[in-house]
Amino acid sequence: MRSFVLTGGRARPTRNTHVLDVITMVTSVPDRSVAGLLPEQLAVVELCRGGYLSVIEVAGHLGQPLTVTRVLLGDLLDTGHIVTRVPAPAVPAANSAAGERAATAHILEKLLHGLQAL
């Protein structure tokens, strides 16, 4: 089926565009009726039942372009069939400024040693 048919001719979701980054995690809402969903929407709901997947992973499993996947996910988010969560940033465990400086210094040190080895 052509992409524009799946999305109703839309190139982006009607709402929720800010929450559908490629690393945003999505999962299905349990016990939500799937009556009336398109086959592609049903595939997304079934795919996400096992736990959280990133938007890009959903696109890969569906074999659809990212734009189409975002529209499908946006529609499912609007109807309450899926929920999202943004993954936590990869920050050192220490929340203190000193801990962050130490981690940064360690990374820079490793980088310097790697460059010197060239």
PDB file of N, CA and C in Angstrom:
ATOM      1  N   MET A   1       0.846  -1.172   0.000  1.00  0.00           N
ATOM      2  CA  MET A   1       0.000   0.000   0.000  1.00  0.00           C
ATOM      3  C   MET A   1       0.893   1.237   0.000  1.00  0.00           C
ATOM      4  N   ARG A   2       0.499   2.240  -0.744  1.00  0.00           N
ATOM      5  CA  ARG A   2       1.271   3.480  -0.842  1.00  0.00           C
ATOM      6  C   ARG A   2       1.272   4.238   0.477  1.00  0.00           C
ATOM      7  N   SER A   3       2.384   4.901   0.742  1.00  0.00           N
ATOM      8  CA  SER A   3       2.548   5.631   2.004  1.00  0.00           C
ATOM      9  C   SER A   3       1.477   6.686   2.212  1.00  0.00           C
ATOM     10  N   PHE A   4       1.124   7.412   1.161  1.00  0.00           N
ATOM     11  CA  PHE A   4       0.141   8.486   1.330  1.00  0.00           C
ATOM     12  C   PHE A   4      -1.239   7.947   1.664  1.00  0.00           C
ATOM     13  N   VAL A   5      -1.509   6.707   1.309  1.00  0.00           N
ATOM     14  CA  VAL A   5      -2.787   6.091   1.669  1.00  0.00           C
ATOM     15  C   VAL A   5      -2.795   5.767   3.164  1.00  0.00           C
ATOM     16  N   LEU A   6      -1.672   5.249   3.666  1.00  0.00           N
ATOM     17  CA  LEU A   6      -1.573   4.906   5.087  1.00  0.00           C
ATOM     18  C   LEU A   6      -1.706   6.127   5.986  1.00  0.00           C
ATOM     19  N   THR A   7      -1.223   7.263   5.499  1.00  0.00           N
ATOM     20  CA  THR A   7      -1.209   8.469   6.328  1.00  0.00           C
ATOM     21  C   THR A   7      -2.336   9.433   6.008  1.00  0.00           C
ATOM     22  N   GLY A   8      -3.192   9.061   5.086  1.00  0.00           N
ATOM     23  CA  GLY A   8      -4.268   9.973   4.694  1.00  0.00           C
ATOM     24  C   GLY A   8      -3.726  11.215   3.999  1.00  0.00           C
ATOM     25  N   GLY A   9      -2.582  11.081   3.351  1.00  0.00           N
ATOM     26  CA  GLY A   9      -1.970  12.196   2.649  1.00  0.00           C
ATOM     27  C   GLY A   9      -1.152  13.120   3.534  1.00  0.00           C
ATOM     28  N   ARG A  10      -1.061  12.810   4.814  1.00  0.00           N
ATOM     29  CA  ARG A  10      -0.317  13.676   5.747  1.00  0.00           C
ATOM     30  C   ARG A  10       1.161  13.307   5.771  1.00  0.00           C
ATOM     31  N   ALA A  11       1.994  14.317   5.942  1.00  0.00           N
ATOM     32  CA  ALA A  11       3.435  14.096   6.036  1.00  0.00           C
ATOM     33  C   ALA A  11       3.924  14.155   7.472  1.00  0.00           C
ATOM     34  N   ARG A  12       3.056  14.563   8.384  1.00  0.00           N
ATOM     35  CA  ARG A  12       3.415  14.606   9.809  1.00  0.00           C
ATOM     36  C   ARG A  12       2.165  14.384  10.640  1.00  0.00           C
ATOM     37  N   PRO A  13       2.349  13.970  11.878  1.00  0.00           N
ATOM     38  CA  PRO A  13       1.191  13.763  12.753  1.00  0.00           C
ATOM     39  C   PRO A  13       0.417  15.062  12.957  1.00  0.00           C
ATOM     40  N   THR A  14      -0.869  14.942  13.233  1.00  0.00           N
ATOM     41  CA  THR A  14      -1.679  16.142  13.448  1.00  0.00           C
ATOM     42  C   THR A  14      -1.312  16.836  14.743  1.00  0.00           C
ATOM     43  N   ARG A  15      -0.943  16.053  15.748  1.00  0.00           N
ATOM     44  CA  ARG A  15      -0.504  16.587  17.044  1.00  0.00           C
ATOM     45  C   ARG A  15       0.662  15.752  17.524  1.00  0.00           C
ATOM     46  N   ASN A  16       1.169  16.073  18.679  1.00  0.00           N
ATOM     47  CA  ASN A  16       2.211  15.276  19.334  1.00  0.00           C
ATOM     48  C   ASN A  16       3.504  15.168  18.537  1.00  0.00           C
ATOM     49  N   THR A  17       3.772  16.130  17.658  1.00  0.00           N
ATOM     50  CA  THR A  17       4.994  16.045  16.855  1.00  0.00           C
ATOM     51  C   THR A  17       6.240  16.186  17.709  1.00  0.00           C
ATOM     52  N   HIS A  18       6.135  16.877  18.824  1.00  0.00           N
ATOM     53  CA  HIS A  18       7.301  17.108  19.675  1.00  0.00           C
ATOM     54  C   HIS A  18       7.724  15.865  20.447  1.00  0.00           C
ATOM     55  N   VAL A  19       6.869  14.887  20.587  1.00  0.00           N
ATOM     56  CA  VAL A  19       7.206  13.712  21.396  1.00  0.00           C
ATOM     57  C   VAL A  19       7.626  12.504  20.561  1.00  0.00           C
ATOM     58  N   LEU A  20       7.632  12.621  19.259  1.00  0.00           N
ATOM     59  CA  LEU A  20       7.930  11.459  18.424  1.00  0.00           C
ATOM     60  C   LEU A  20       9.304  11.558  17.765  1.00  0.00           C
ATOM     61  N   ASP A  21      10.320  11.796  18.586  1.00  0.00           N
ATOM     62  CA  ASP A  21      11.698  11.782  18.135  1.00  0.00           C
ATOM     63  C   ASP A  21      12.086  10.327  17.852  1.00  0.00           C
ATOM     64  N   VAL A  22      13.159  10.107  17.120  1.00  0.00           N
ATOM     65  CA  VAL A  22      13.535   8.737  16.758  1.00  0.00           C
ATOM     66  C   VAL A  22      13.868   7.869  17.964  1.00  0.00           C
ATOM     67  N   ILE A  23      14.300   8.475  19.069  1.00  0.00           N
ATOM     68  CA  ILE A  23      14.646   7.680  20.253  1.00  0.00           C
ATOM     69  C   ILE A  23      13.527   7.631  21.288  1.00  0.00           C
ATOM     70  N   THR A  24      12.404   8.288  20.992  1.00  0.00           N
ATOM     71  CA  THR A  24      11.265   8.221  21.900  1.00  0.00           C
ATOM     72  C   THR A  24      10.778   6.781  21.977  1.00  0.00           C
ATOM     73  N   MET A  25      10.491   6.328  23.172  1.00  0.00           N
ATOM     74  CA  MET A  25      10.044   4.955  23.393  1.00  0.00           C
ATOM     75  C   MET A  25       8.518   4.911  23.410  1.00  0.00           C
ATOM     76  N   VAL A  26       7.948   3.911  22.746  1.00  0.00           N
ATOM     77  CA  VAL A  26       6.494   3.756  22.707  1.00  0.00           C
ATOM     78  C   VAL A  26       6.114   2.348  23.144  1.00  0.00           C
ATOM     79  N   THR A  27       4.946   2.237  23.751  1.00  0.00           N
ATOM     80  CA  THR A  27       4.403   0.931  24.119  1.00  0.00           C
ATOM     81  C   THR A  27       2.886   0.991  24.037  1.00  0.00           C
ATOM     82  N   SER A  28       2.272  -0.170  23.872  1.00  0.00           N
ATOM     83  CA  SER A  28       0.812  -0.254  23.785  1.00  0.00           C
ATOM     84  C   SER A  28       0.183  -0.115  25.159  1.00  0.00           C
ATOM     85  N   VAL A  29      -1.020   0.438  25.165  1.00  0.00           N
ATOM     86  CA  VAL A  29      -1.804   0.520  26.394  1.00  0.00           C
ATOM     87  C   VAL A  29      -2.553  -0.799  26.532  1.00  0.00           C
ATOM     88  N   PRO A  30      -2.366  -1.506  27.650  1.00  0.00           N
ATOM     89  CA  PRO A  30      -3.035  -2.801  27.807  1.00  0.00           C
ATOM     90  C   PRO A  30      -4.556  -2.657  27.863  1.00  0.00           C
ATOM     91  N   ASP A  31      -5.232  -3.674  27.410  1.00  0.00           N
ATOM     92  CA  ASP A  31      -6.695  -3.767  27.478  1.00  0.00           C
ATOM     93  C   ASP A  31      -7.411  -2.651  26.725  1.00  0.00           C
ATOM     94  N   ARG A  32      -6.781  -2.079  25.742  1.00  0.00           N
ATOM     95  CA  ARG A  32      -7.413  -1.044  24.924  1.00  0.00           C
ATOM     96  C   ARG A  32      -8.012  -1.730  23.699  1.00  0.00           C
ATOM     97  N   SER A  33      -9.265  -1.432  23.395  1.00  0.00           N
ATOM     98  CA  SER A  33      -9.932  -2.045  22.250  1.00  0.00           C
ATOM     99  C   SER A  33      -9.244  -1.634  20.950  1.00  0.00           C
ATOM    100  N   VAL A  34      -9.029  -2.600  20.078  1.00  0.00           N
ATOM    101  CA  VAL A  34      -8.388  -2.324  18.798  1.00  0.00           C
ATOM    102  C   VAL A  34      -9.396  -2.327  17.650  1.00  0.00           C
ATOM    103  N   ALA A  35     -10.672  -2.345  17.983  1.00  0.00           N
ATOM    104  CA  ALA A  35     -11.710  -2.330  16.952  1.00  0.00           C
ATOM    105  C   ALA A  35     -11.609  -1.040  16.151  1.00  0.00           C
ATOM    106  N   GLY A  36     -11.674  -1.175  14.846  1.00  0.00           N
ATOM    107  CA  GLY A  36     -11.667  -0.013  13.970  1.00  0.00           C
ATOM    108  C   GLY A  36     -10.288   0.476  13.555  1.00  0.00           C
ATOM    109  N   LEU A  37      -9.237  -0.178  14.031  1.00  0.00           N
ATOM    110  CA  LEU A  37      -7.890   0.231  13.637  1.00  0.00           C
ATOM    111  C   LEU A  37      -7.556  -0.306  12.251  1.00  0.00           C
ATOM    112  N   LEU A  38      -6.747   0.445  11.520  1.00  0.00           N
ATOM    113  CA  LEU A  38      -6.232  -0.031  10.240  1.00  0.00           C
ATOM    114  C   LEU A  38      -5.272  -1.191  10.503  1.00  0.00           C
ATOM    115  N   PRO A  39      -5.058  -2.060   9.522  1.00  0.00           N
ATOM    116  CA  PRO A  39      -4.133  -3.182   9.727  1.00  0.00           C
ATOM    117  C   PRO A  39      -2.732  -2.723  10.158  1.00  0.00           C
ATOM    118  N   GLU A  40      -2.255  -1.611   9.603  1.00  0.00           N
ATOM    119  CA  GLU A  40      -0.936  -1.101   9.971  1.00  0.00           C
ATOM    120  C   GLU A  40      -0.918  -0.594  11.407  1.00  0.00           C
ATOM    121  N   GLN A  41      -1.996   0.045  11.829  1.00  0.00           N
ATOM    122  CA  GLN A  41      -2.090   0.505  13.215  1.00  0.00           C
ATOM    123  C   GLN A  41      -2.155  -0.684  14.166  1.00  0.00           C
ATOM    124  N   LEU A  42      -2.900  -1.696  13.784  1.00  0.00           N
ATOM    125  CA  LEU A  42      -2.987  -2.915  14.588  1.00  0.00           C
ATOM    126  C   LEU A  42      -1.612  -3.577  14.710  1.00  0.00           C
ATOM    127  N   ALA A  43      -0.850  -3.562  13.616  1.00  0.00           N
ATOM    128  CA  ALA A  43       0.502  -4.129  13.646  1.00  0.00           C
ATOM    129  C   ALA A  43       1.381  -3.382  14.647  1.00  0.00           C
ATOM    130  N   VAL A  44       1.249  -2.062  14.712  1.00  0.00           N
ATOM    131  CA  VAL A  44       2.024  -1.264  15.673  1.00  0.00           C
ATOM    132  C   VAL A  44       1.628  -1.626  17.099  1.00  0.00           C
ATOM    133  N   VAL A  45       0.327  -1.706  17.350  1.00  0.00           N
ATOM    134  CA  VAL A  45      -0.158  -2.032  18.695  1.00  0.00           C
ATOM    135  C   VAL A  45       0.356  -3.404  19.120  1.00  0.00           C
ATOM    136  N   GLU A  46       0.273  -4.388  18.234  1.00  0.00           N
ATOM    137  CA  GLU A  46       0.747  -5.738  18.551  1.00  0.00           C
ATOM    138  C   GLU A  46       2.259  -5.751  18.778  1.00  0.00           C
ATOM    139  N   LEU A  47       2.980  -5.036  17.949  1.00  0.00           N
ATOM    140  CA  LEU A  47       4.435  -4.969  18.052  1.00  0.00           C
ATOM    141  C   LEU A  47       4.884  -4.386  19.385  1.00  0.00           C
ATOM    142  N   CYS A  48       4.151  -3.391  19.850  1.00  0.00           N
ATOM    143  CA  CYS A  48       4.536  -2.679  21.077  1.00  0.00           C
ATOM    144  C   CYS A  48       3.966  -3.306  22.346  1.00  0.00           C
ATOM    145  N   ARG A  49       3.243  -4.394  22.235  1.00  0.00           N
ATOM    146  CA  ARG A  49       2.665  -5.033  23.427  1.00  0.00           C
ATOM    147  C   ARG A  49       3.719  -5.646  24.334  1.00  0.00           C
ATOM    148  N   GLY A  50       4.841  -6.038  23.787  1.00  0.00           N
ATOM    149  CA  GLY A  50       5.867  -6.703  24.582  1.00  0.00           C
ATOM    150  C   GLY A  50       6.702  -5.770  25.434  1.00  0.00           C
ATOM    151  N   GLY A  51       6.560  -4.489  25.256  1.00  0.00           N
ATOM    152  CA  GLY A  51       7.366  -3.521  26.002  1.00  0.00           C
ATOM    153  C   GLY A  51       7.668  -2.315  25.136  1.00  0.00           C
ATOM    154  N   TYR A  52       8.563  -1.503  25.618  1.00  0.00           N
ATOM    155  CA  TYR A  52       8.894  -0.266  24.909  1.00  0.00           C
ATOM    156  C   TYR A  52       9.832  -0.519  23.734  1.00  0.00           C
ATOM    157  N   LEU A  53       9.533   0.151  22.613  1.00  0.00           N
ATOM    158  CA  LEU A  53      10.396   0.176  21.435  1.00  0.00           C
ATOM    159  C   LEU A  53      10.592   1.633  21.043  1.00  0.00           C
ATOM    160  N   SER A  54      11.732   1.945  20.456  1.00  0.00           N
ATOM    161  CA  SER A  54      11.941   3.307  19.978  1.00  0.00           C
ATOM    162  C   SER A  54      11.166   3.505  18.674  1.00  0.00           C
ATOM    163  N   VAL A  55      10.914   4.751  18.345  1.00  0.00           N
ATOM    164  CA  VAL A  55      10.192   5.073  17.110  1.00  0.00           C
ATOM    165  C   VAL A  55      10.932   4.492  15.910  1.00  0.00           C
ATOM    166  N   ILE A  56      12.242   4.597  15.907  1.00  0.00           N
ATOM    167  CA  ILE A  56      13.016   4.084  14.782  1.00  0.00           C
ATOM    168  C   ILE A  56      12.943   2.556  14.702  1.00  0.00           C
ATOM    169  N   GLU A  57      12.876   1.874  15.846  1.00  0.00           N
ATOM    170  CA  GLU A  57      12.722   0.413  15.844  1.00  0.00           C
ATOM    171  C   GLU A  57      11.366   0.013  15.275  1.00  0.00           C
ATOM    172  N   VAL A  58      10.328   0.752  15.634  1.00  0.00           N
ATOM    173  CA  VAL A  58       8.991   0.464  15.102  1.00  0.00           C
ATOM    174  C   VAL A  58       9.007   0.614  13.587  1.00  0.00           C
ATOM    175  N   ALA A  59       9.630   1.682  13.088  1.00  0.00           N
ATOM    176  CA  ALA A  59       9.718   1.896  11.640  1.00  0.00           C
ATOM    177  C   ALA A  59      10.438   0.730  10.969  1.00  0.00           C
ATOM    178  N   GLY A  60      11.519   0.264  11.584  1.00  0.00           N
ATOM    179  CA  GLY A  60      12.262  -0.860  11.019  1.00  0.00           C
ATOM    180  C   GLY A  60      11.452  -2.142  10.980  1.00  0.00           C
ATOM    181  N   HIS A  61      10.744  -2.427  12.060  1.00  0.00           N
ATOM    182  CA  HIS A  61       9.915  -3.642  12.102  1.00  0.00           C
ATOM    183  C   HIS A  61       8.779  -3.580  11.085  1.00  0.00           C
ATOM    184  N   LEU A  62       8.211  -2.393  10.910  1.00  0.00           N
ATOM    185  CA  LEU A  62       7.100  -2.252   9.962  1.00  0.00           C
ATOM    186  C   LEU A  62       7.574  -2.206   8.515  1.00  0.00           C
ATOM    187  N   GLY A  63       8.846  -1.858   8.314  1.00  0.00           N
ATOM    188  CA  GLY A  63       9.343  -1.679   6.953  1.00  0.00           C
ATOM    189  C   GLY A  63       8.771  -0.432   6.306  1.00  0.00           C
ATOM    190  N   GLN A  64       8.447   0.548   7.120  1.00  0.00           N
ATOM    191  CA  GLN A  64       7.872   1.802   6.637  1.00  0.00           C
ATOM    192  C   GLN A  64       8.862   2.941   6.857  1.00  0.00           C
ATOM    193  N   PRO A  65       8.780   3.986   6.042  1.00  0.00           N
ATOM    194  CA  PRO A  65       9.621   5.158   6.276  1.00  0.00           C
ATOM    195  C   PRO A  65       9.299   5.788   7.630  1.00  0.00           C
ATOM    196  N   LEU A  66      10.258   6.505   8.167  1.00  0.00           N
ATOM    197  CA  LEU A  66      10.094   7.141   9.466  1.00  0.00           C
ATOM    198  C   LEU A  66       8.919   8.114   9.472  1.00  0.00           C
ATOM    199  N   THR A  67       8.733   8.839   8.391  1.00  0.00           N
ATOM    200  CA  THR A  67       7.629   9.802   8.310  1.00  0.00           C
ATOM    201  C   THR A  67       6.284   9.111   8.454  1.00  0.00           C
ATOM    202  N   VAL A  68       6.107   8.010   7.756  1.00  0.00           N
ATOM    203  CA  VAL A  68       4.856   7.250   7.826  1.00  0.00           C
ATOM    204  C   VAL A  68       4.663   6.694   9.230  1.00  0.00           C
ATOM    205  N   THR A  69       5.725   6.160   9.807  1.00  0.00           N
ATOM    206  CA  THR A  69       5.646   5.595  11.154  1.00  0.00           C
ATOM    207  C   THR A  69       5.252   6.656  12.166  1.00  0.00           C
ATOM    208  N   ARG A  70       5.810   7.854  12.036  1.00  0.00           N
ATOM    209  CA  ARG A  70       5.453   8.938  12.965  1.00  0.00           C
ATOM    210  C   ARG A  70       3.977   9.305  12.860  1.00  0.00           C
ATOM    211  N   VAL A  71       3.447   9.314  11.653  1.00  0.00           N
ATOM    212  CA  VAL A  71       2.022   9.624  11.481  1.00  0.00           C
ATOM    213  C   VAL A  71       1.172   8.538  12.127  1.00  0.00           C
ATOM    214  N   LEU A  72       1.512   7.266  11.875  1.00  0.00           N
ATOM    215  CA  LEU A  72       0.765   6.161  12.485  1.00  0.00           C
ATOM    216  C   LEU A  72       0.837   6.231  14.008  1.00  0.00           C
ATOM    217  N   LEU A  73       2.038   6.460  14.545  1.00  0.00           N
ATOM    218  CA  LEU A  73       2.198   6.547  15.996  1.00  0.00           C
ATOM    219  C   LEU A  73       1.461   7.753  16.566  1.00  0.00           C
ATOM    220  N   GLY A  74       1.497   8.869  15.859  1.00  0.00           N
ATOM    221  CA  GLY A  74       0.776  10.061  16.316  1.00  0.00           C
ATOM    222  C   GLY A  74      -0.714   9.811  16.413  1.00  0.00           C
ATOM    223  N   ASP A  75      -1.263   9.121  15.417  1.00  0.00           N
ATOM    224  CA  ASP A  75      -2.691   8.792  15.447  1.00  0.00           C
ATOM    225  C   ASP A  75      -3.012   7.862  16.619  1.00  0.00           C
ATOM    226  N   LEU A  76      -2.158   6.867  16.842  1.00  0.00           N
ATOM    227  CA  LEU A  76      -2.382   5.931  17.954  1.00  0.00           C
ATOM    228  C   LEU A  76      -2.201   6.614  19.308  1.00  0.00           C
ATOM    229  N   LEU A  77      -1.320   7.569  19.371  1.00  0.00           N
ATOM    230  CA  LEU A  77      -1.136   8.343  20.601  1.00  0.00           C
ATOM    231  C   LEU A  77      -2.365   9.204  20.876  1.00  0.00           C
ATOM    232  N   ASP A  78      -2.901   9.808  19.823  1.00  0.00           N
ATOM    233  CA  ASP A  78      -4.108  10.638  19.954  1.00  0.00           C
ATOM    234  C   ASP A  78      -5.309   9.830  20.430  1.00  0.00           C
ATOM    235  N   THR A  79      -5.396   8.568  19.992  1.00  0.00           N
ATOM    236  CA  THR A  79      -6.544   7.736  20.370  1.00  0.00           C
ATOM    237  C   THR A  79      -6.312   6.959  21.666  1.00  0.00           C
ATOM    238  N   GLY A  80      -5.125   7.101  22.250  1.00  0.00           N
ATOM    239  CA  GLY A  80      -4.846   6.445  23.523  1.00  0.00           C
ATOM    240  C   GLY A  80      -4.429   4.992  23.414  1.00  0.00           C
ATOM    241  N   HIS A  81      -4.052   4.538  22.217  1.00  0.00           N
ATOM    242  CA  HIS A  81      -3.636   3.148  22.047  1.00  0.00           C
ATOM    243  C   HIS A  81      -2.181   2.913  22.436  1.00  0.00           C
ATOM    244  N   ILE A  82      -1.372   3.971  22.396  1.00  0.00           N
ATOM    245  CA  ILE A  82       0.019   3.858  22.821  1.00  0.00           C
ATOM    246  C   ILE A  82       0.352   5.008  23.763  1.00  0.00           C
ATOM    247  N   VAL A  83       1.413   4.823  24.524  1.00  0.00           N
ATOM    248  CA  VAL A  83       1.962   5.888  25.366  1.00  0.00           C
ATOM    249  C   VAL A  83       3.450   5.992  25.057  1.00  0.00           C
ATOM    250  N   THR A  84       4.024   7.142  25.376  1.00  0.00           N
ATOM    251  CA  THR A  84       5.435   7.373  25.094  1.00  0.00           C
ATOM    252  C   THR A  84       6.198   7.698  26.364  1.00  0.00           C
ATOM    253  N   ARG A  85       7.488   7.536  26.256  1.00  0.00           N
ATOM    254  CA  ARG A  85       8.387   8.045  27.294  1.00  0.00           C
ATOM    255  C   ARG A  85       9.710   8.337  26.614  1.00  0.00           C
ATOM    256  N   VAL A  86      10.321   9.411  27.055  1.00  0.00           N
ATOM    257  CA  VAL A  86      11.610   9.803  26.503  1.00  0.00           C
ATOM    258  C   VAL A  86      12.685   9.089  27.311  1.00  0.00           C
ATOM    259  N   PRO A  87      13.632   8.431  26.647  1.00  0.00           N
ATOM    260  CA  PRO A  87      14.671   7.732  27.396  1.00  0.00           C
ATOM    261  C   PRO A  87      15.527   8.704  28.194  1.00  0.00           C
ATOM    262  N   ALA A  88      16.026   8.227  29.305  1.00  0.00           N
ATOM    263  CA  ALA A  88      16.895   9.055  30.141  1.00  0.00           C
ATOM    264  C   ALA A  88      18.198   9.317  29.399  1.00  0.00           C
ATOM    265  N   PRO A  89      18.717  10.537  29.506  1.00  0.00           N
ATOM    266  CA  PRO A  89      19.983  10.830  28.836  1.00  0.00           C
ATOM    267  C   PRO A  89      21.125  10.032  29.455  1.00  0.00           C
ATOM    268  N   ALA A  90      22.107   9.738  28.648  1.00  0.00           N
ATOM    269  CA  ALA A  90      23.264   8.977  29.122  1.00  0.00           C
ATOM    270  C   ALA A  90      24.206   9.920  29.865  1.00  0.00           C
ATOM    271  N   VAL A  91      23.910  10.113  31.134  1.00  0.00           N
ATOM    272  CA  VAL A  91      24.687  11.008  31.984  1.00  0.00           C
ATOM    273  C   VAL A  91      25.330  10.173  33.077  1.00  0.00           C
ATOM    274  N   PRO A  92      26.518  10.550  33.525  1.00  0.00           N
ATOM    275  CA  PRO A  92      27.117   9.802  34.633  1.00  0.00           C
ATOM    276  C   PRO A  92      26.180   9.737  35.829  1.00  0.00           C
ATOM    277  N   ALA A  93      26.325   8.675  36.613  1.00  0.00           N
ATOM    278  CA  ALA A  93      25.437   8.461  37.755  1.00  0.00           C
ATOM    279  C   ALA A  93      25.504   9.596  38.756  1.00  0.00           C
ATOM    280  N   ALA A  94      26.651  10.183  38.935  1.00  0.00           N
ATOM    281  CA  ALA A  94      26.782  11.283  39.894  1.00  0.00           C
ATOM    282  C   ALA A  94      26.128  12.526  39.319  1.00  0.00           C
ATOM    283  N   ASN A  95      25.209  13.096  40.057  1.00  0.00           N
ATOM    284  CA  ASN A  95      24.513  14.290  39.590  1.00  0.00           C
ATOM    285  C   ASN A  95      25.258  15.568  39.928  1.00  0.00           C
ATOM    286  N   SER A  96      26.314  15.469  40.684  1.00  0.00           N
ATOM    287  CA  SER A  96      27.040  16.665  41.083  1.00  0.00           C
ATOM    288  C   SER A  96      27.884  17.181  39.930  1.00  0.00           C
ATOM    289  N   ALA A  97      28.167  18.468  39.971  1.00  0.00           N
ATOM    290  CA  ALA A  97      29.004  19.078  38.946  1.00  0.00           C
ATOM    291  C   ALA A  97      30.402  18.476  38.973  1.00  0.00           C
ATOM    292  N   ALA A  98      30.915  18.159  40.167  1.00  0.00           N
ATOM    293  CA  ALA A  98      32.245  17.558  40.285  1.00  0.00           C
ATOM    294  C   ALA A  98      32.282  16.191  39.612  1.00  0.00           C
ATOM    295  N   GLY A  99      31.222  15.402  39.787  1.00  0.00           N
ATOM    296  CA  GLY A  99      31.149  14.088  39.155  1.00  0.00           C
ATOM    297  C   GLY A  99      31.115  14.192  37.643  1.00  0.00           C
ATOM    298  N   GLU A 100      30.383  15.171  37.128  1.00  0.00           N
ATOM    299  CA  GLU A 100      30.309  15.372  35.682  1.00  0.00           C
ATOM    300  C   GLU A 100      31.650  15.843  35.135  1.00  0.00           C
ATOM    301  N   ARG A 101      32.325  16.732  35.853  1.00  0.00           N
ATOM    302  CA  ARG A 101      33.641  17.207  35.414  1.00  0.00           C
ATOM    303  C   ARG A 101      34.638  16.053  35.385  1.00  0.00           C
ATOM    304  N   ALA A 102      34.571  15.188  36.394  1.00  0.00           N
ATOM    305  CA  ALA A 102      35.487  14.048  36.447  1.00  0.00           C
ATOM    306  C   ALA A 102      35.238  13.106  35.277  1.00  0.00           C
ATOM    307  N   ALA A 103      33.977  12.868  34.962  1.00  0.00           N
ATOM    308  CA  ALA A 103      33.647  11.988  33.838  1.00  0.00           C
ATOM    309  C   ALA A 103      34.116  12.606  32.527  1.00  0.00           C
ATOM    310  N   THR A 104      33.912  13.906  32.365  1.00  0.00           N
ATOM    311  CA  THR A 104      34.349  14.599  31.156  1.00  0.00           C
ATOM    312  C   THR A 104      35.865  14.553  31.043  1.00  0.00           C
ATOM    313  N   ALA A 105      36.554  14.797  32.149  1.00  0.00           N
ATOM    314  CA  ALA A 105      38.018  14.755  32.143  1.00  0.00           C
ATOM    315  C   ALA A 105      38.512  13.364  31.765  1.00  0.00           C
ATOM    316  N   HIS A 106      37.844  12.331  32.261  1.00  0.00           N
ATOM    317  CA  HIS A 106      38.223  10.950  31.949  1.00  0.00           C
ATOM    318  C   HIS A 106      38.058  10.678  30.453  1.00  0.00           C
ATOM    319  N   ILE A 107      36.971  11.124  29.891  1.00  0.00           N
ATOM    320  CA  ILE A 107      36.728  10.925  28.456  1.00  0.00           C
ATOM    321  C   ILE A 107      37.776  11.669  27.638  1.00  0.00           C
ATOM    322  N   LEU A 108      38.069  12.903  28.021  1.00  0.00           N
ATOM    323  CA  LEU A 108      39.075  13.679  27.298  1.00  0.00           C
ATOM    324  C   LEU A 108      40.459  13.040  27.408  1.00  0.00           C
ATOM    325  N   GLU A 109      40.753  12.479  28.562  1.00  0.00           N
ATOM    326  CA  GLU A 109      42.029  11.795  28.763  1.00  0.00           C
ATOM    327  C   GLU A 109      42.140  10.588  27.834  1.00  0.00           C
ATOM    328  N   LYS A 110      41.068   9.806  27.748  1.00  0.00           N
ATOM    329  CA  LYS A 110      41.065   8.637  26.861  1.00  0.00           C
ATOM    330  C   LYS A 110      41.211   9.069  25.406  1.00  0.00           C
ATOM    331  N   LEU A 111      40.562  10.159  25.046  1.00  0.00           N
ATOM    332  CA  LEU A 111      40.661  10.678  23.690  1.00  0.00           C
ATOM    333  C   LEU A 111      42.093  11.096  23.386  1.00  0.00           C
ATOM    334  N   LEU A 112      42.718  11.803  24.316  1.00  0.00           N
ATOM    335  CA  LEU A 112      44.097  12.247  24.137  1.00  0.00           C
ATOM    336  C   LEU A 112      45.031  11.053  23.959  1.00  0.00           C
ATOM    337  N   HIS A 113      44.882  10.029  24.800  1.00  0.00           N
ATOM    338  CA  HIS A 113      45.729   8.836  24.686  1.00  0.00           C
ATOM    339  C   HIS A 113      45.508   8.139  23.339  1.00  0.00           C
ATOM    340  N   GLY A 114      44.278   8.104  22.891  1.00  0.00           N
ATOM    341  CA  GLY A 114      43.986   7.499  21.593  1.00  0.00           C
ATOM    342  C   GLY A 114      44.621   8.264  20.454  1.00  0.00           C
ATOM    343  N   LEU A 115      44.575   9.580  20.519  1.00  0.00           N
ATOM    344  CA  LEU A 115      45.189  10.400  19.477  1.00  0.00           C
ATOM    345  C   LEU A 115      46.708  10.271  19.494  1.00  0.00           C
ATOM    346  N   GLN A 116      47.278  10.199  20.683  1.00  0.00           N
ATOM    347  CA  GLN A 116      48.726  10.046  20.790  1.00  0.00           C
ATOM    348  C   GLN A 116      49.172   8.695  20.242  1.00  0.00           C
ATOM    349  N   ALA A 117      48.332   7.707  20.341  1.00  0.00           N
ATOM    350  CA  ALA A 117      48.676   6.371  19.845  1.00  0.00           C
ATOM    351  C   ALA A 117      48.692   6.310  18.321  1.00  0.00           C
ATOM    352  N   LEU A 118      48.079   7.268  17.671  1.00  0.00           N
ATOM    353  CA  LEU A 118      48.052   7.270  16.203  1.00  0.00           C
ATOM    354  C   LEU A 118      49.390   7.577  15.690  1.00  0.00           C
TER     355      LEU A 118
END
